[in-house]
Amino acid sequence: MAVVDVVNIKKEKVGEVELADAVFGVEVKPGILHEIVRMQRAKRRAGTACTKTRSEVRGSNAKPWRQKGTGRARAGSKRSPLWRGGGTVFGPKPRSYAFKVPKKVRRLGVRMALSARLAENNLTVVDDMGLEEIKTKKFVEAMQSLAIDNALIVIPERNEVVEKSCRNVPGYKVIVPEGLNVYDILLHRHLVLVQPAIDKIEQRLLA
């Protein structure tokens, strides 16, 4: 098991914690991480782009002019895709871009992302966030003390004080263990774990 220092909000060592190799010591395979990030981003796509076909645009069904004798090319409808204002051929329609990745693979991906942050020395364990009131300034000072400028912070349970203190600061996000995912871990350079959250993360990923 990897042993990591536990620090307080002033970056002073206050203890140590063991991290399970089955969660934080997994071999990282970029292909799996890539597939999971693709899945997460695809699910977030709105898929609302829509164009009108020739049956949906405004315009008469009448033939614009007779078939022969005018010297012009034959035409059957103002709504032809060849005409300005006509319908669109094979244009986008509302759709879902989502696709599925097996649950076991998604869990493996989270373990790989956690392992990658630990291997890069970009994982910090703190004993407590040390915020007693909703104060953005206090949160920024805490991150400056830890020398972290971009981080995903995992807290053991919902905490309005921590969540609201950081929500206006770009580059930071606070989540609970149940919401831990590959995209958010990889999107932020650092991973900050509040110590009580580690047990919940390991229980969830080893279940």
C-alpha atoms as a PDB file:
ATOM      1  CA  MET A   1       0.000   0.000   0.000  1.00  0.00           C
ATOM      2  CA  ALA A   2       1.138   3.530  -0.756  1.00  0.00           C
ATOM      3  CA  VAL A   3       1.596   5.748   2.288  1.00  0.00           C
ATOM      4  CA  VAL A   4       0.764   9.420   1.810  1.00  0.00           C
ATOM      5  CA  ASP A   5       1.240  12.342   4.161  1.00  0.00           C
ATOM      6  CA  VAL A   6      -1.858  13.973   5.605  1.00  0.00           C
ATOM      7  CA  VAL A   7      -1.494  17.759   5.863  1.00  0.00           C
ATOM      8  CA  ASN A   8      -3.583  20.514   7.330  1.00  0.00           C
ATOM      9  CA  ILE A   9      -4.750  23.562   5.436  1.00  0.00           C
ATOM     10  CA  LYS A  10      -1.397  25.278   6.172  1.00  0.00           C
ATOM     11  CA  LYS A  11       0.487  22.380   4.540  1.00  0.00           C
ATOM     12  CA  GLU A  12       1.833  21.116   7.848  1.00  0.00           C
ATOM     13  CA  LYS A  13       2.104  17.331   8.182  1.00  0.00           C
ATOM     14  CA  VAL A  14      -0.339  15.998  10.754  1.00  0.00           C
ATOM     15  CA  GLY A  15      -0.241  12.272   9.972  1.00  0.00           C
ATOM     16  CA  GLU A  16      -0.111   9.568   7.332  1.00  0.00           C
ATOM     17  CA  VAL A  17      -2.682   7.459   5.538  1.00  0.00           C
ATOM     18  CA  GLU A  18      -2.449   4.205   3.571  1.00  0.00           C
ATOM     19  CA  LEU A  19      -4.024   4.087   0.115  1.00  0.00           C
ATOM     20  CA  ALA A  20      -5.226   0.759  -1.263  1.00  0.00           C
ATOM     21  CA  ASP A  21      -3.185  -0.455  -4.227  1.00  0.00           C
ATOM     22  CA  ALA A  22      -6.358  -1.829  -5.812  1.00  0.00           C
ATOM     23  CA  VAL A  23      -7.632   1.761  -6.103  1.00  0.00           C
ATOM     24  CA  PHE A  24      -4.549   3.992  -6.185  1.00  0.00           C
ATOM     25  CA  GLY A  25      -1.954   1.605  -7.644  1.00  0.00           C
ATOM     26  CA  VAL A  26      -3.587   0.424 -10.862  1.00  0.00           C
ATOM     27  CA  GLU A  27      -1.759   0.304 -14.203  1.00  0.00           C
ATOM     28  CA  VAL A  28      -2.898   3.266 -16.291  1.00  0.00           C
ATOM     29  CA  LYS A  29      -4.148   2.492 -19.806  1.00  0.00           C
ATOM     30  CA  PRO A  30      -4.746   5.700 -21.813  1.00  0.00           C
ATOM     31  CA  GLY A  31      -7.100   3.934 -24.234  1.00  0.00           C
ATOM     32  CA  ILE A  32      -9.613   3.123 -21.491  1.00  0.00           C
ATOM     33  CA  LEU A  33      -9.458   6.659 -20.078  1.00  0.00           C
ATOM     34  CA  HIS A  34      -9.970   8.082 -23.557  1.00  0.00           C
ATOM     35  CA  GLU A  35     -13.040   5.929 -24.181  1.00  0.00           C
ATOM     36  CA  ILE A  36     -14.632   6.935 -20.856  1.00  0.00           C
ATOM     37  CA  VAL A  37     -13.965  10.651 -21.420  1.00  0.00           C
ATOM     38  CA  ARG A  38     -15.504  10.331 -24.891  1.00  0.00           C
ATOM     39  CA  MET A  39     -18.585   8.725 -23.342  1.00  0.00           C
ATOM     40  CA  GLN A  40     -18.960  11.444 -20.699  1.00  0.00           C
ATOM     41  CA  ARG A  41     -18.558  14.274 -23.193  1.00  0.00           C
ATOM     42  CA  ALA A  42     -20.931  12.628 -25.686  1.00  0.00           C
ATOM     43  CA  LYS A  43     -23.640  12.360 -23.005  1.00  0.00           C
ATOM     44  CA  ARG A  44     -23.332  16.105 -22.360  1.00  0.00           C
ATOM     45  CA  ARG A  45     -23.935  17.064 -25.997  1.00  0.00           C
ATOM     46  CA  ALA A  46     -27.303  18.739 -26.501  1.00  0.00           C
ATOM     47  CA  GLY A  47     -27.995  17.110 -29.861  1.00  0.00           C
ATOM     48  CA  THR A  48     -30.548  19.839 -30.683  1.00  0.00           C
ATOM     49  CA  ALA A  49     -29.251  20.860 -34.146  1.00  0.00           C
ATOM     50  CA  CYS A  50     -32.123  20.702 -36.621  1.00  0.00           C
ATOM     51  CA  THR A  51     -32.638  21.587 -40.277  1.00  0.00           C
ATOM     52  CA  LYS A  52     -35.811  21.502 -42.366  1.00  0.00           C
ATOM     53  CA  THR A  53     -36.296  19.091 -45.220  1.00  0.00           C
ATOM     54  CA  ARG A  54     -38.161  20.064 -48.402  1.00  0.00           C
ATOM     55  CA  SER A  55     -41.401  18.841 -46.817  1.00  0.00           C
ATOM     56  CA  GLU A  56     -40.996  21.210 -43.862  1.00  0.00           C
ATOM     57  CA  VAL A  57     -39.925  24.548 -45.390  1.00  0.00           C
ATOM     58  CA  ARG A  58     -42.452  27.169 -46.423  1.00  0.00           C
ATOM     59  CA  GLY A  59     -43.389  27.367 -50.078  1.00  0.00           C
ATOM     60  CA  SER A  60     -45.959  26.343 -52.643  1.00  0.00           C
ATOM     61  CA  ASN A  61     -46.222  22.908 -54.148  1.00  0.00           C
ATOM     62  CA  ALA A  62     -47.081  24.489 -57.507  1.00  0.00           C
ATOM     63  CA  LYS A  63     -44.722  24.006 -60.411  1.00  0.00           C
ATOM     64  CA  PRO A  64     -42.896  27.361 -60.878  1.00  0.00           C
ATOM     65  CA  TRP A  65     -43.164  27.277 -64.698  1.00  0.00           C
ATOM     66  CA  ARG A  66     -44.098  24.851 -67.425  1.00  0.00           C
ATOM     67  CA  GLN A  67     -41.818  21.947 -68.183  1.00  0.00           C
ATOM     68  CA  LYS A  68     -40.794  22.909 -71.707  1.00  0.00           C
ATOM     69  CA  GLY A  69     -40.451  25.939 -73.902  1.00  0.00           C
ATOM     70  CA  THR A  70     -39.128  28.578 -71.520  1.00  0.00           C
ATOM     71  CA  GLY A  71     -35.428  27.996 -72.072  1.00  0.00           C
ATOM     72  CA  ARG A  72     -34.889  27.550 -68.367  1.00  0.00           C
ATOM     73  CA  ALA A  73     -34.012  24.397 -66.501  1.00  0.00           C
ATOM     74  CA  ARG A  74     -37.006  22.288 -65.523  1.00  0.00           C
ATOM     75  CA  ALA A  75     -38.252  22.842 -61.961  1.00  0.00           C
ATOM     76  CA  GLY A  76     -40.973  21.155 -59.968  1.00  0.00           C
ATOM     77  CA  SER A  77     -41.072  23.008 -56.643  1.00  0.00           C
ATOM     78  CA  LYS A  78     -39.861  26.143 -54.883  1.00  0.00           C
ATOM     79  CA  ARG A  79     -38.876  23.919 -51.976  1.00  0.00           C
ATOM     80  CA  SER A  80     -36.233  22.037 -53.948  1.00  0.00           C
ATOM     81  CA  PRO A  81     -32.866  21.757 -52.131  1.00  0.00           C
ATOM     82  CA  LEU A  82     -31.296  23.330 -55.253  1.00  0.00           C
ATOM     83  CA  TRP A  83     -33.111  26.608 -54.646  1.00  0.00           C
ATOM     84  CA  ARG A  84     -32.313  29.365 -52.195  1.00  0.00           C
ATOM     85  CA  GLY A  85     -34.719  28.924 -49.281  1.00  0.00           C
ATOM     86  CA  GLY A  86     -35.383  25.316 -50.196  1.00  0.00           C
ATOM     87  CA  GLY A  87     -35.074  22.293 -47.948  1.00  0.00           C
ATOM     88  CA  THR A  88     -31.815  20.782 -46.701  1.00  0.00           C
ATOM     89  CA  VAL A  89     -30.702  17.335 -47.826  1.00  0.00           C
ATOM     90  CA  PHE A  90     -29.324  15.023 -45.120  1.00  0.00           C
ATOM     91  CA  GLY A  91     -29.117  17.859 -42.585  1.00  0.00           C
ATOM     92  CA  PRO A  92     -28.888  17.261 -38.816  1.00  0.00           C
ATOM     93  CA  LYS A  93     -31.944  16.299 -36.800  1.00  0.00           C
ATOM     94  CA  PRO A  94     -32.340  16.170 -32.984  1.00  0.00           C
ATOM     95  CA  ARG A  95     -30.552  13.069 -31.673  1.00  0.00           C
ATOM     96  CA  SER A  96     -28.731  11.662 -28.685  1.00  0.00           C
ATOM     97  CA  TYR A  97     -24.966  11.216 -28.989  1.00  0.00           C
ATOM     98  CA  ALA A  98     -24.778   9.081 -25.849  1.00  0.00           C
ATOM     99  CA  PHE A  99     -23.236   5.627 -25.856  1.00  0.00           C
ATOM    100  CA  LYS A 100     -22.548   3.209 -23.032  1.00  0.00           C
ATOM    101  CA  VAL A 101     -19.372   1.884 -21.473  1.00  0.00           C
ATOM    102  CA  PRO A 102     -19.695  -1.134 -19.123  1.00  0.00           C
ATOM    103  CA  LYS A 103     -19.954  -0.290 -15.423  1.00  0.00           C
ATOM    104  CA  LYS A 104     -16.848  -2.338 -14.578  1.00  0.00           C
ATOM    105  CA  VAL A 105     -14.833  -0.415 -17.154  1.00  0.00           C
ATOM    106  CA  ARG A 106     -16.076   2.921 -15.781  1.00  0.00           C
ATOM    107  CA  ARG A 107     -14.979   1.937 -12.282  1.00  0.00           C
ATOM    108  CA  LEU A 108     -11.634   0.749 -13.604  1.00  0.00           C
ATOM    109  CA  GLY A 109     -11.238   4.101 -15.344  1.00  0.00           C
ATOM    110  CA  VAL A 110     -11.761   6.006 -12.083  1.00  0.00           C
ATOM    111  CA  ARG A 111      -9.155   3.812 -10.377  1.00  0.00           C
ATOM    112  CA  MET A 112      -6.731   4.487 -13.235  1.00  0.00           C
ATOM    113  CA  ALA A 113      -7.301   8.246 -13.044  1.00  0.00           C
ATOM    114  CA  LEU A 114      -6.711   8.218  -9.265  1.00  0.00           C
ATOM    115  CA  SER A 115      -3.568   6.127  -9.756  1.00  0.00           C
ATOM    116  CA  ALA A 116      -2.295   8.549 -12.398  1.00  0.00           C
ATOM    117  CA  ARG A 117      -2.668  11.537 -10.056  1.00  0.00           C
ATOM    118  CA  LEU A 118      -0.836   9.679  -7.271  1.00  0.00           C
ATOM    119  CA  ALA A 119       1.987   8.626  -9.624  1.00  0.00           C
ATOM    120  CA  GLU A 120       2.384  12.251 -10.758  1.00  0.00           C
ATOM    121  CA  ASN A 121       2.576  13.464  -7.130  1.00  0.00           C
ATOM    122  CA  ASN A 122      -0.489  15.579  -7.811  1.00  0.00           C
ATOM    123  CA  LEU A 123      -2.589  13.995  -5.072  1.00  0.00           C
ATOM    124  CA  THR A 124      -2.885  15.793  -1.718  1.00  0.00           C
ATOM    125  CA  VAL A 125      -4.661  14.491   1.388  1.00  0.00           C
ATOM    126  CA  VAL A 126      -5.881  17.086   3.898  1.00  0.00           C
ATOM    127  CA  ASP A 127      -7.385  16.418   7.295  1.00  0.00           C
ATOM    128  CA  ASP A 128     -10.026  19.122   6.925  1.00  0.00           C
ATOM    129  CA  MET A 129     -10.825  22.065   4.649  1.00  0.00           C
ATOM    130  CA  GLY A 130     -10.838  24.362   7.682  1.00  0.00           C
ATOM    131  CA  LEU A 131     -13.712  26.577   6.501  1.00  0.00           C
ATOM    132  CA  GLU A 132     -16.190  27.647   9.158  1.00  0.00           C
ATOM    133  CA  GLU A 133     -18.184  30.116   7.069  1.00  0.00           C
ATOM    134  CA  ILE A 134     -18.944  30.724   3.406  1.00  0.00           C
ATOM    135  CA  LYS A 135     -16.006  32.889   2.428  1.00  0.00           C
ATOM    136  CA  THR A 136     -14.351  32.777  -0.996  1.00  0.00           C
ATOM    137  CA  LYS A 137     -11.315  34.673   0.300  1.00  0.00           C
ATOM    138  CA  LYS A 138     -10.654  32.007   2.957  1.00  0.00           C
ATOM    139  CA  PHE A 139     -10.880  29.258   0.345  1.00  0.00           C
ATOM    140  CA  VAL A 140      -8.407  31.043  -1.953  1.00  0.00           C
ATOM    141  CA  GLU A 141      -5.999  31.551   0.952  1.00  0.00           C
ATOM    142  CA  ALA A 142      -6.222  27.847   1.806  1.00  0.00           C
ATOM    143  CA  MET A 143      -5.402  26.838  -1.775  1.00  0.00           C
ATOM    144  CA  GLN A 144      -2.498  29.286  -1.857  1.00  0.00           C
ATOM    145  CA  SER A 145      -1.142  27.784   1.370  1.00  0.00           C
ATOM    146  CA  LEU A 146      -1.277  24.334  -0.256  1.00  0.00           C
ATOM    147  CA  ALA A 147       0.356  25.778  -3.419  1.00  0.00           C
ATOM    148  CA  ILE A 148      -2.487  24.401  -5.569  1.00  0.00           C
ATOM    149  CA  ASP A 149      -3.908  26.537  -8.375  1.00  0.00           C
ATOM    150  CA  ASN A 150      -6.210  24.039 -10.103  1.00  0.00           C
ATOM    151  CA  ALA A 151      -7.854  21.140  -8.299  1.00  0.00           C
ATOM    152  CA  LEU A 152     -10.714  18.718  -7.914  1.00  0.00           C
ATOM    153  CA  ILE A 153     -11.596  18.571  -4.215  1.00  0.00           C
ATOM    154  CA  VAL A 154     -13.333  15.460  -2.889  1.00  0.00           C
ATOM    155  CA  ILE A 155     -15.176  15.936   0.400  1.00  0.00           C
ATOM    156  CA  PRO A 156     -16.794  13.056   2.359  1.00  0.00           C
ATOM    157  CA  GLU A 157     -20.313  14.501   2.226  1.00  0.00           C
ATOM    158  CA  ARG A 158     -22.203  17.535   0.980  1.00  0.00           C
ATOM    159  CA  ASN A 159     -20.940  20.680   2.667  1.00  0.00           C
ATOM    160  CA  GLU A 160     -22.592  23.956   1.703  1.00  0.00           C
ATOM    161  CA  VAL A 161     -19.784  26.033   3.238  1.00  0.00           C
ATOM    162  CA  VAL A 162     -17.049  24.427   1.113  1.00  0.00           C
ATOM    163  CA  GLU A 163     -19.143  24.194  -2.048  1.00  0.00           C
ATOM    164  CA  LYS A 164     -20.279  27.824  -1.996  1.00  0.00           C
ATOM    165  CA  SER A 165     -16.870  29.131  -0.966  1.00  0.00           C
ATOM    166  CA  CYS A 166     -15.244  27.729  -4.103  1.00  0.00           C
ATOM    167  CA  ARG A 167     -17.940  28.024  -6.742  1.00  0.00           C
ATOM    168  CA  ASN A 168     -16.846  31.489  -7.938  1.00  0.00           C
ATOM    169  CA  VAL A 169     -13.165  30.562  -8.139  1.00  0.00           C
ATOM    170  CA  PRO A 170     -12.147  29.336 -11.613  1.00  0.00           C
ATOM    171  CA  GLY A 171     -10.155  26.118 -11.799  1.00  0.00           C
ATOM    172  CA  TYR A 172     -11.685  24.403  -8.749  1.00  0.00           C
ATOM    173  CA  LYS A 173     -14.536  21.961  -8.288  1.00  0.00           C
ATOM    174  CA  VAL A 174     -15.906  20.264  -5.170  1.00  0.00           C
ATOM    175  CA  ILE A 175     -17.615  16.861  -5.366  1.00  0.00           C
ATOM    176  CA  VAL A 176     -18.513  13.977  -3.058  1.00  0.00           C
ATOM    177  CA  PRO A 177     -17.181  10.398  -3.546  1.00  0.00           C
ATOM    178  CA  GLU A 178     -20.429   9.285  -5.218  1.00  0.00           C
ATOM    179  CA  GLY A 179     -19.834  11.805  -8.022  1.00  0.00           C
ATOM    180  CA  LEU A 180     -16.189  10.970  -8.653  1.00  0.00           C
ATOM    181  CA  ASN A 181     -15.558  10.481 -12.375  1.00  0.00           C
ATOM    182  CA  VAL A 182     -12.708  10.213 -14.876  1.00  0.00           C
ATOM    183  CA  TYR A 183     -13.412  13.439 -16.769  1.00  0.00           C
ATOM    184  CA  ASP A 184     -13.320  15.684 -13.691  1.00  0.00           C
ATOM    185  CA  ILE A 185     -10.180  14.016 -12.323  1.00  0.00           C
ATOM    186  CA  LEU A 186      -8.302  14.455 -15.608  1.00  0.00           C
ATOM    187  CA  LEU A 187      -9.652  17.958 -16.200  1.00  0.00           C
ATOM    188  CA  HIS A 188      -7.972  19.293 -13.040  1.00  0.00           C
ATOM    189  CA  ARG A 189      -4.206  19.201 -12.496  1.00  0.00           C
ATOM    190  CA  HIS A 190      -4.419  18.323  -8.796  1.00  0.00           C
ATOM    191  CA  LEU A 191      -6.624  16.041  -6.729  1.00  0.00           C
ATOM    192  CA  VAL A 192      -7.316  17.038  -3.134  1.00  0.00           C
ATOM    193  CA  LEU A 193      -8.877  14.389  -0.895  1.00  0.00           C
ATOM    194  CA  VAL A 194     -10.301  15.226   2.500  1.00  0.00           C
ATOM    195  CA  GLN A 195      -9.161  12.251   4.591  1.00  0.00           C
ATOM    196  CA  PRO A 196     -12.601  10.840   5.583  1.00  0.00           C
ATOM    197  CA  ALA A 197     -13.517  10.676   1.879  1.00  0.00           C
ATOM    198  CA  ILE A 198     -10.803   8.080   1.167  1.00  0.00           C
ATOM    199  CA  ASP A 199     -12.678   5.234   2.886  1.00  0.00           C
ATOM    200  CA  LYS A 200     -15.843   6.061   0.930  1.00  0.00           C
ATOM    201  CA  ILE A 201     -13.936   6.147  -2.365  1.00  0.00           C
ATOM    202  CA  GLU A 202     -12.313   2.767  -1.691  1.00  0.00           C
ATOM    203  CA  GLN A 203     -15.596   1.190  -0.576  1.00  0.00           C
ATOM    204  CA  ARG A 204     -17.353   2.423  -3.713  1.00  0.00           C
ATOM    205  CA  LEU A 205     -14.657   1.301  -6.149  1.00  0.00           C
ATOM    206  CA  LEU A 206     -13.997  -2.083  -4.548  1.00  0.00           C
ATOM    207  CA  ALA A 207     -17.636  -3.069  -4.077  1.00  0.00           C
END
